PDB file of N, CA and C in Angstrom:
ATOM      1  N   MET A   1      -3.324  14.105   7.582  1.00  0.00           N
ATOM      2  CA  MET A   1      -1.928  13.792   7.522  1.00  0.00           C
ATOM      3  C   MET A   1      -1.729  12.681   6.483  1.00  0.00           C
ATOM      4  N   LYS A   2      -0.683  12.797   5.683  1.00  0.00           N
ATOM      5  CA  LYS A   2      -0.428  11.800   4.661  1.00  0.00           C
ATOM      6  C   LYS A   2       0.542  10.744   5.171  1.00  0.00           C
ATOM      7  N   PHE A   3       0.232   9.507   4.860  1.00  0.00           N
ATOM      8  CA  PHE A   3       1.074   8.370   5.183  1.00  0.00           C
ATOM      9  C   PHE A   3       1.297   7.570   3.912  1.00  0.00           C
ATOM     10  N   GLN A   4       2.362   6.807   3.895  1.00  0.00           N
ATOM     11  CA  GLN A   4       2.559   5.826   2.844  1.00  0.00           C
ATOM     12  C   GLN A   4       2.496   4.459   3.497  1.00  0.00           C
ATOM     13  N   ALA A   5       1.837   3.541   2.839  1.00  0.00           N
ATOM     14  CA  ALA A   5       1.766   2.169   3.337  1.00  0.00           C
ATOM     15  C   ALA A   5       2.157   1.229   2.207  1.00  0.00           C
ATOM     16  N   ASP A   6       3.050   0.313   2.530  1.00  0.00           N
ATOM     17  CA  ASP A   6       3.424  -0.734   1.592  1.00  0.00           C
ATOM     18  C   ASP A   6       2.737  -2.018   2.021  1.00  0.00           C
ATOM     19  N   VAL A   7       2.114  -2.703   1.070  1.00  0.00           N
ATOM     20  CA  VAL A   7       1.470  -3.980   1.341  1.00  0.00           C
ATOM     21  C   VAL A   7       2.200  -5.036   0.522  1.00  0.00           C
ATOM     22  N   GLN A   8       2.814  -5.979   1.227  1.00  0.00           N
ATOM     23  CA  GLN A   8       3.505  -7.088   0.560  1.00  0.00           C
ATOM     24  C   GLN A   8       2.581  -8.292   0.594  1.00  0.00           C
ATOM     25  N   VAL A   9       2.266  -8.830  -0.579  1.00  0.00           N
ATOM     26  CA  VAL A   9       1.366  -9.976  -0.704  1.00  0.00           C
ATOM     27  C   VAL A   9       2.182 -11.168  -1.196  1.00  0.00           C
ATOM     28  N   ILE A  10       2.122 -12.275  -0.454  1.00  0.00           N
ATOM     29  CA  ILE A  10       2.840 -13.488  -0.837  1.00  0.00           C
ATOM     30  C   ILE A  10       1.916 -14.689  -0.677  1.00  0.00           C
ATOM     31  N   LEU A  11       2.228 -15.749  -1.412  1.00  0.00           N
ATOM     32  CA  LEU A  11       1.441 -16.967  -1.306  1.00  0.00           C
ATOM     33  C   LEU A  11       1.664 -17.619   0.054  1.00  0.00           C
ATOM     34  N   LYS A  12       0.625 -18.213   0.593  1.00  0.00           N
ATOM     35  CA  LYS A  12       0.738 -18.932   1.854  1.00  0.00           C
ATOM     36  C   LYS A  12       1.614 -20.165   1.665  1.00  0.00           C
ATOM     37  N   ASP A  13       2.231 -20.621   2.766  1.00  0.00           N
ATOM     38  CA  ASP A  13       3.013 -21.853   2.724  1.00  0.00           C
ATOM     39  C   ASP A  13       2.127 -22.990   2.240  1.00  0.00           C
ATOM     40  N   GLY A  14       2.664 -23.805   1.370  1.00  0.00           N
ATOM     41  CA  GLY A  14       1.919 -24.945   0.854  1.00  0.00           C
ATOM     42  C   GLY A  14       1.193 -24.684  -0.450  1.00  0.00           C
ATOM     43  N   VAL A  15       1.064 -23.424  -0.837  1.00  0.00           N
ATOM     44  CA  VAL A  15       0.408 -23.090  -2.113  1.00  0.00           C
ATOM     45  C   VAL A  15       1.477 -23.110  -3.204  1.00  0.00           C
ATOM     46  N   LEU A  16       1.213 -23.831  -4.277  1.00  0.00           N
ATOM     47  CA  LEU A  16       2.179 -23.928  -5.364  1.00  0.00           C
ATOM     48  C   LEU A  16       2.423 -22.558  -5.994  1.00  0.00           C
ATOM     49  N   ASP A  17       3.694 -22.305  -6.308  1.00  0.00           N
ATOM     50  CA  ASP A  17       4.108 -21.052  -6.924  1.00  0.00           C
ATOM     51  C   ASP A  17       4.847 -21.384  -8.222  1.00  0.00           C
ATOM     52  N   PRO A  18       4.112 -21.666  -9.313  1.00  0.00           N
ATOM     53  CA  PRO A  18       4.780 -22.054 -10.550  1.00  0.00           C
ATOM     54  C   PRO A  18       5.725 -20.986 -11.096  1.00  0.00           C
ATOM     55  N   GLN A  19       5.375 -19.730 -10.920  1.00  0.00           N
ATOM     56  CA  GLN A  19       6.259 -18.657 -11.389  1.00  0.00           C
ATOM     57  C   GLN A  19       7.562 -18.676 -10.597  1.00  0.00           C
ATOM     58  N   GLY A  20       7.467 -18.841  -9.284  1.00  0.00           N
ATOM     59  CA  GLY A  20       8.658 -18.923  -8.448  1.00  0.00           C
ATOM     60  C   GLY A  20       9.521 -20.123  -8.810  1.00  0.00           C
ATOM     61  N   GLN A  21       8.881 -21.254  -9.103  1.00  0.00           N
ATOM     62  CA  GLN A  21       9.624 -22.454  -9.492  1.00  0.00           C
ATOM     63  C   GLN A  21      10.365 -22.241 -10.813  1.00  0.00           C
ATOM     64  N   THR A  22       9.706 -21.591 -11.764  1.00  0.00           N
ATOM     65  CA  THR A  22      10.334 -21.306 -13.056  1.00  0.00           C
ATOM     66  C   THR A  22      11.529 -20.382 -12.884  1.00  0.00           C
ATOM     67  N   ILE A  23      11.365 -19.360 -12.073  1.00  0.00           N
ATOM     68  CA  ILE A  23      12.462 -18.425 -11.819  1.00  0.00           C
ATOM     69  C   ILE A  23      13.606 -19.149 -11.101  1.00  0.00           C
ATOM     70  N   GLY A  24      13.264 -20.013 -10.140  1.00  0.00           N
ATOM     71  CA  GLY A  24      14.286 -20.781  -9.426  1.00  0.00           C
ATOM     72  C   GLY A  24      15.098 -21.655 -10.361  1.00  0.00           C
ATOM     73  N   ARG A  25      14.428 -22.333 -11.299  1.00  0.00           N
ATOM     74  CA  ARG A  25      15.143 -23.174 -12.281  1.00  0.00           C
ATOM     75  C   ARG A  25      16.041 -22.309 -13.173  1.00  0.00           C
ATOM     76  N   ALA A  26      15.539 -21.171 -13.606  1.00  0.00           N
ATOM     77  CA  ALA A  26      16.333 -20.284 -14.464  1.00  0.00           C
ATOM     78  C   ALA A  26      17.561 -19.769 -13.719  1.00  0.00           C
ATOM     79  N   LEU A  27      17.404 -19.428 -12.459  1.00  0.00           N
ATOM     80  CA  LEU A  27      18.553 -18.967 -11.667  1.00  0.00           C
ATOM     81  C   LEU A  27      19.591 -20.071 -11.521  1.00  0.00           C
ATOM     82  N   ALA A  28      19.137 -21.299 -11.291  1.00  0.00           N
ATOM     83  CA  ALA A  28      20.066 -22.433 -11.182  1.00  0.00           C
ATOM     84  C   ALA A  28      20.835 -22.619 -12.489  1.00  0.00           C
ATOM     85  N   GLU A  29      20.132 -22.489 -13.620  1.00  0.00           N
ATOM     86  CA  GLU A  29      20.796 -22.618 -14.922  1.00  0.00           C
ATOM     87  C   GLU A  29      21.825 -21.514 -15.151  1.00  0.00           C
ATOM     88  N   LEU A  30      21.611 -20.373 -14.522  1.00  0.00           N
ATOM     89  CA  LEU A  30      22.560 -19.254 -14.642  1.00  0.00           C
ATOM     90  C   LEU A  30      23.705 -19.359 -13.636  1.00  0.00           C
ATOM     91  N   GLY A  31      23.709 -20.439 -12.853  1.00  0.00           N
ATOM     92  CA  GLY A  31      24.812 -20.660 -11.929  1.00  0.00           C
ATOM     93  C   GLY A  31      24.565 -20.213 -10.500  1.00  0.00           C
ATOM     94  N   PHE A  32      23.354 -19.791 -10.181  1.00  0.00           N
ATOM     95  CA  PHE A  32      23.032 -19.364  -8.816  1.00  0.00           C
ATOM     96  C   PHE A  32      22.599 -20.581  -7.993  1.00  0.00           C
ATOM     97  N   ASP A  33      23.527 -21.493  -7.780  1.00  0.00           N
ATOM     98  CA  ASP A  33      23.227 -22.761  -7.123  1.00  0.00           C
ATOM     99  C   ASP A  33      22.878 -22.606  -5.641  1.00  0.00           C
ATOM    100  N   SER A  34      23.300 -21.540  -5.022  1.00  0.00           N
ATOM    101  CA  SER A  34      23.040 -21.367  -3.589  1.00  0.00           C
ATOM    102  C   SER A  34      21.612 -20.900  -3.307  1.00  0.00           C
ATOM    103  N   ILE A  35      20.875 -20.483  -4.326  1.00  0.00           N
ATOM    104  CA  ILE A  35      19.482 -20.078  -4.140  1.00  0.00           C
ATOM    105  C   ILE A  35      18.630 -21.341  -4.108  1.00  0.00           C
ATOM    106  N   ILE A  36      18.007 -21.594  -2.972  1.00  0.00           N
ATOM    107  CA  ILE A  36      17.274 -22.838  -2.760  1.00  0.00           C
ATOM    108  C   ILE A  36      15.822 -22.732  -3.211  1.00  0.00           C
ATOM    109  N   ARG A  37      15.216 -21.591  -2.969  1.00  0.00           N
ATOM    110  CA  ARG A  37      13.786 -21.443  -3.248  1.00  0.00           C
ATOM    111  C   ARG A  37      13.483 -19.999  -3.616  1.00  0.00           C
ATOM    112  N   VAL A  38      12.527 -19.821  -4.514  1.00  0.00           N
ATOM    113  CA  VAL A  38      12.076 -18.486  -4.913  1.00  0.00           C
ATOM    114  C   VAL A  38      10.566 -18.423  -4.699  1.00  0.00           C
ATOM    115  N   ASN A  39      10.127 -17.413  -3.991  1.00  0.00           N
ATOM    116  CA  ASN A  39       8.698 -17.146  -3.824  1.00  0.00           C
ATOM    117  C   ASN A  39       8.391 -15.806  -4.483  1.00  0.00           C
ATOM    118  N   THR A  40       7.341 -15.782  -5.270  1.00  0.00           N
ATOM    119  CA  THR A  40       6.950 -14.538  -5.911  1.00  0.00           C
ATOM    120  C   THR A  40       5.842 -13.866  -5.108  1.00  0.00           C
ATOM    121  N   GLY A  41       5.642 -12.614  -5.378  1.00  0.00           N
ATOM    122  CA  GLY A  41       4.595 -11.860  -4.700  1.00  0.00           C
ATOM    123  C   GLY A  41       4.409 -10.512  -5.367  1.00  0.00           C
ATOM    124  N   ARG A  42       3.698  -9.664  -4.673  1.00  0.00           N
ATOM    125  CA  ARG A  42       3.427  -8.322  -5.191  1.00  0.00           C
ATOM    126  C   ARG A  42       3.600  -7.320  -4.058  1.00  0.00           C
ATOM    127  N   ILE A  43       3.956  -6.110  -4.426  1.00  0.00           N
ATOM    128  CA  ILE A  43       4.011  -5.012  -3.457  1.00  0.00           C
ATOM    129  C   ILE A  43       3.130  -3.886  -3.982  1.00  0.00           C
ATOM    130  N   PHE A  44       2.246  -3.417  -3.123  1.00  0.00           N
ATOM    131  CA  PHE A  44       1.390  -2.274  -3.430  1.00  0.00           C
ATOM    132  C   PHE A  44       1.857  -1.104  -2.577  1.00  0.00           C
ATOM    133  N   LYS A  45       2.045   0.045  -3.188  1.00  0.00           N
ATOM    134  CA  LYS A  45       2.432   1.260  -2.469  1.00  0.00           C
ATOM    135  C   LYS A  45       1.228   2.188  -2.474  1.00  0.00           C
ATOM    136  N   LEU A  46       0.722   2.459  -1.286  1.00  0.00           N
ATOM    137  CA  LEU A  46      -0.480   3.272  -1.147  1.00  0.00           C
ATOM    138  C   LEU A  46      -0.160   4.572  -0.430  1.00  0.00           C
ATOM    139  N   GLU A  47      -0.777   5.648  -0.855  1.00  0.00           N
ATOM    140  CA  GLU A  47      -0.698   6.913  -0.130  1.00  0.00           C
ATOM    141  C   GLU A  47      -2.050   7.126   0.521  1.00  0.00           C
ATOM    142  N   ILE A  48      -2.033   7.340   1.825  1.00  0.00           N
ATOM    143  CA  ILE A  48      -3.267   7.397   2.608  1.00  0.00           C
ATOM    144  C   ILE A  48      -3.357   8.746   3.320  1.00  0.00           C
ATOM    145  N   ASP A  49      -4.525   9.341   3.302  1.00  0.00           N
ATOM    146  CA  ASP A  49      -4.801  10.545   4.087  1.00  0.00           C
ATOM    147  C   ASP A  49      -5.608  10.099   5.304  1.00  0.00           C
ATOM    148  N   ALA A  50      -4.971  10.142   6.466  1.00  0.00           N
ATOM    149  CA  ALA A  50      -5.629   9.674   7.684  1.00  0.00           C
ATOM    150  C   ALA A  50      -5.089  10.446   8.887  1.00  0.00           C
ATOM    151  N   GLU A  51      -5.801  10.348   9.995  1.00  0.00           N
ATOM    152  CA  GLU A  51      -5.429  11.098  11.196  1.00  0.00           C
ATOM    153  C   GLU A  51      -4.346  10.419  12.033  1.00  0.00           C
ATOM    154  N   SER A  52      -4.206   9.095  11.883  1.00  0.00           N
ATOM    155  CA  SER A  52      -3.238   8.379  12.722  1.00  0.00           C
ATOM    156  C   SER A  52      -2.749   7.128  12.014  1.00  0.00           C
ATOM    157  N   GLU A  53      -1.650   6.585  12.522  1.00  0.00           N
ATOM    158  CA  GLU A  53      -1.118   5.339  11.964  1.00  0.00           C
ATOM    159  C   GLU A  53      -2.100   4.190  12.187  1.00  0.00           C
ATOM    160  N   ALA A  54      -2.785   4.196  13.315  1.00  0.00           N
ATOM    161  CA  ALA A  54      -3.774   3.145  13.588  1.00  0.00           C
ATOM    162  C   ALA A  54      -4.884   3.172  12.542  1.00  0.00           C
ATOM    163  N   MET A  55      -5.306   4.357  12.158  1.00  0.00           N
ATOM    164  CA  MET A  55      -6.337   4.506  11.132  1.00  0.00           C
ATOM    165  C   MET A  55      -5.831   3.990   9.776  1.00  0.00           C
ATOM    166  N   VAL A  56      -4.575   4.301   9.472  1.00  0.00           N
ATOM    167  CA  VAL A  56      -3.962   3.832   8.229  1.00  0.00           C
ATOM    168  C   VAL A  56      -3.959   2.313   8.197  1.00  0.00           C
ATOM    169  N   ARG A  57      -3.540   1.693   9.297  1.00  0.00           N
ATOM    170  CA  ARG A  57      -3.483   0.228   9.364  1.00  0.00           C
ATOM    171  C   ARG A  57      -4.873  -0.390   9.170  1.00  0.00           C
ATOM    172  N   GLU A  58      -5.887   0.258   9.723  1.00  0.00           N
ATOM    173  CA  GLU A  58      -7.253  -0.255   9.564  1.00  0.00           C
ATOM    174  C   GLU A  58      -7.710  -0.150   8.109  1.00  0.00           C
ATOM    175  N   ILE A  59      -7.483   1.004   7.501  1.00  0.00           N
ATOM    176  CA  ILE A  59      -7.882   1.228   6.108  1.00  0.00           C
ATOM    177  C   ILE A  59      -7.154   0.259   5.180  1.00  0.00           C
ATOM    178  N   VAL A  60      -5.844   0.170   5.346  1.00  0.00           N
ATOM    179  CA  VAL A  60      -5.037  -0.670   4.460  1.00  0.00           C
ATOM    180  C   VAL A  60      -5.343  -2.149   4.696  1.00  0.00           C
ATOM    181  N   GLY A  61      -5.552  -2.531   5.948  1.00  0.00           N
ATOM    182  CA  GLY A  61      -5.910  -3.915   6.247  1.00  0.00           C
ATOM    183  C   GLY A  61      -7.212  -4.311   5.579  1.00  0.00           C
ATOM    184  N   ASN A  62      -8.181  -3.429   5.615  1.00  0.00           N
ATOM    185  CA  ASN A  62      -9.459  -3.697   4.940  1.00  0.00           C
ATOM    186  C   ASN A  62      -9.279  -3.802   3.429  1.00  0.00           C
ATOM    187  N   ALA A  63      -8.490  -2.888   2.857  1.00  0.00           N
ATOM    188  CA  ALA A  63      -8.252  -2.926   1.407  1.00  0.00           C
ATOM    189  C   ALA A  63      -7.522  -4.207   1.013  1.00  0.00           C
ATOM    190  N   ALA A  64      -6.552  -4.596   1.824  1.00  0.00           N
ATOM    191  CA  ALA A  64      -5.775  -5.803   1.510  1.00  0.00           C
ATOM    192  C   ALA A  64      -6.642  -7.054   1.589  1.00  0.00           C
ATOM    193  N   SER A  65      -7.466  -7.146   2.612  1.00  0.00           N
ATOM    194  CA  SER A  65      -8.275  -8.362   2.786  1.00  0.00           C
ATOM    195  C   SER A  65      -9.439  -8.434   1.796  1.00  0.00           C
ATOM    196  N   LYS A  66      -9.893  -7.283   1.294  1.00  0.00           N
ATOM    197  CA  LYS A  66     -11.029  -7.284   0.367  1.00  0.00           C
ATOM    198  C   LYS A  66     -10.628  -7.299  -1.107  1.00  0.00           C
ATOM    199  N   LEU A  67      -9.427  -6.776  -1.427  1.00  0.00           N
ATOM    200  CA  LEU A  67      -9.085  -6.645  -2.841  1.00  0.00           C
ATOM    201  C   LEU A  67      -7.641  -7.000  -3.168  1.00  0.00           C
ATOM    202  N   LEU A  68      -6.692  -6.520  -2.399  1.00  0.00           N
ATOM    203  CA  LEU A  68      -5.286  -6.656  -2.781  1.00  0.00           C
ATOM    204  C   LEU A  68      -4.756  -8.079  -2.654  1.00  0.00           C
ATOM    205  N   ALA A  69      -5.287  -8.841  -1.707  1.00  0.00           N
ATOM    206  CA  ALA A  69      -4.833 -10.217  -1.492  1.00  0.00           C
ATOM    207  C   ALA A  69      -6.029 -11.159  -1.506  1.00  0.00           C
ATOM    208  N   ASN A  70      -5.783 -12.372  -1.933  1.00  0.00           N
ATOM    209  CA  ASN A  70      -6.796 -13.426  -1.865  1.00  0.00           C
ATOM    210  C   ASN A  70      -6.553 -14.179  -0.558  1.00  0.00           C
ATOM    211  N   PRO A  71      -7.388 -13.964   0.457  1.00  0.00           N
ATOM    212  CA  PRO A  71      -7.118 -14.534   1.783  1.00  0.00           C
ATOM    213  C   PRO A  71      -7.109 -16.059   1.821  1.00  0.00           C
ATOM    214  N   VAL A  72      -7.624 -16.705   0.790  1.00  0.00           N
ATOM    215  CA  VAL A  72      -7.625 -18.168   0.753  1.00  0.00           C
ATOM    216  C   VAL A  72      -6.214 -18.691   0.484  1.00  0.00           C
ATOM    217  N   ILE A  73      -5.460 -18.020  -0.396  1.00  0.00           N
ATOM    218  CA  ILE A  73      -4.150 -18.529  -0.788  1.00  0.00           C
ATOM    219  C   ILE A  73      -2.989 -17.579  -0.503  1.00  0.00           C
ATOM    220  N   GLU A  74      -3.288 -16.352  -0.053  1.00  0.00           N
ATOM    221  CA  GLU A  74      -2.225 -15.367   0.132  1.00  0.00           C
ATOM    222  C   GLU A  74      -2.250 -14.762   1.536  1.00  0.00           C
ATOM    223  N   ASP A  75      -1.057 -14.395   2.005  1.00  0.00           N
ATOM    224  CA  ASP A  75      -0.886 -13.621   3.228  1.00  0.00           C
ATOM    225  C   ASP A  75      -0.400 -12.233   2.822  1.00  0.00           C
ATOM    226  N   TYR A  76      -0.549 -11.280   3.721  1.00  0.00           N
ATOM    227  CA  TYR A  76      -0.027  -9.944   3.440  1.00  0.00           C
ATOM    228  C   TYR A  76       0.572  -9.340   4.694  1.00  0.00           C
ATOM    229  N   LYS A  77       1.534  -8.441   4.466  1.00  0.00           N
ATOM    230  CA  LYS A  77       2.158  -7.676   5.540  1.00  0.00           C
ATOM    231  C   LYS A  77       2.032  -6.204   5.190  1.00  0.00           C
ATOM    232  N   ILE A  78       1.771  -5.406   6.202  1.00  0.00           N
ATOM    233  CA  ILE A  78       1.621  -3.964   6.007  1.00  0.00           C
ATOM    234  C   ILE A  78       2.758  -3.249   6.712  1.00  0.00           C
ATOM    235  N   GLU A  79       3.385  -2.318   5.988  1.00  0.00           N
ATOM    236  CA  GLU A  79       4.403  -1.449   6.579  1.00  0.00           C
ATOM    237  C   GLU A  79       3.939  -0.018   6.364  1.00  0.00           C
ATOM    238  N   VAL A  80       3.811   0.720   7.448  1.00  0.00           N
ATOM    239  CA  VAL A  80       3.395   2.121   7.359  1.00  0.00           C
ATOM    240  C   VAL A  80       4.631   2.992   7.462  1.00  0.00           C
ATOM    241  N   ILE A  81       4.742   3.934   6.513  1.00  0.00           N
ATOM    242  CA  ILE A  81       5.881   4.854   6.460  1.00  0.00           C
ATOM    243  C   ILE A  81       5.325   6.262   6.537  1.00  0.00           C
ATOM    244  N   ARG A  82       5.883   7.054   7.410  1.00  0.00           N
ATOM    245  CA  ARG A  82       5.419   8.446   7.528  1.00  0.00           C
ATOM    246  C   ARG A  82       5.991   9.316   6.480  1.00  0.00           C
TER     247      ARG A  82
END
């Protein structure tokens, strides 16, 4: 059975995000004063062939912790879509 899984990778709280800070300053200069903070990240869209959603979560969790995210400075969230 085919599943789609989205993995959102973001920096952990307390880790500096210079790209987010630069984007935040640029938005303020463009008049977006109500935007207080910008955090950058990445989204990976994976197509998985597996027997169950639990299997998908295990496969994607392993891929995220070993390659897609740096567990020292990044967190990740997995969303499975049928």
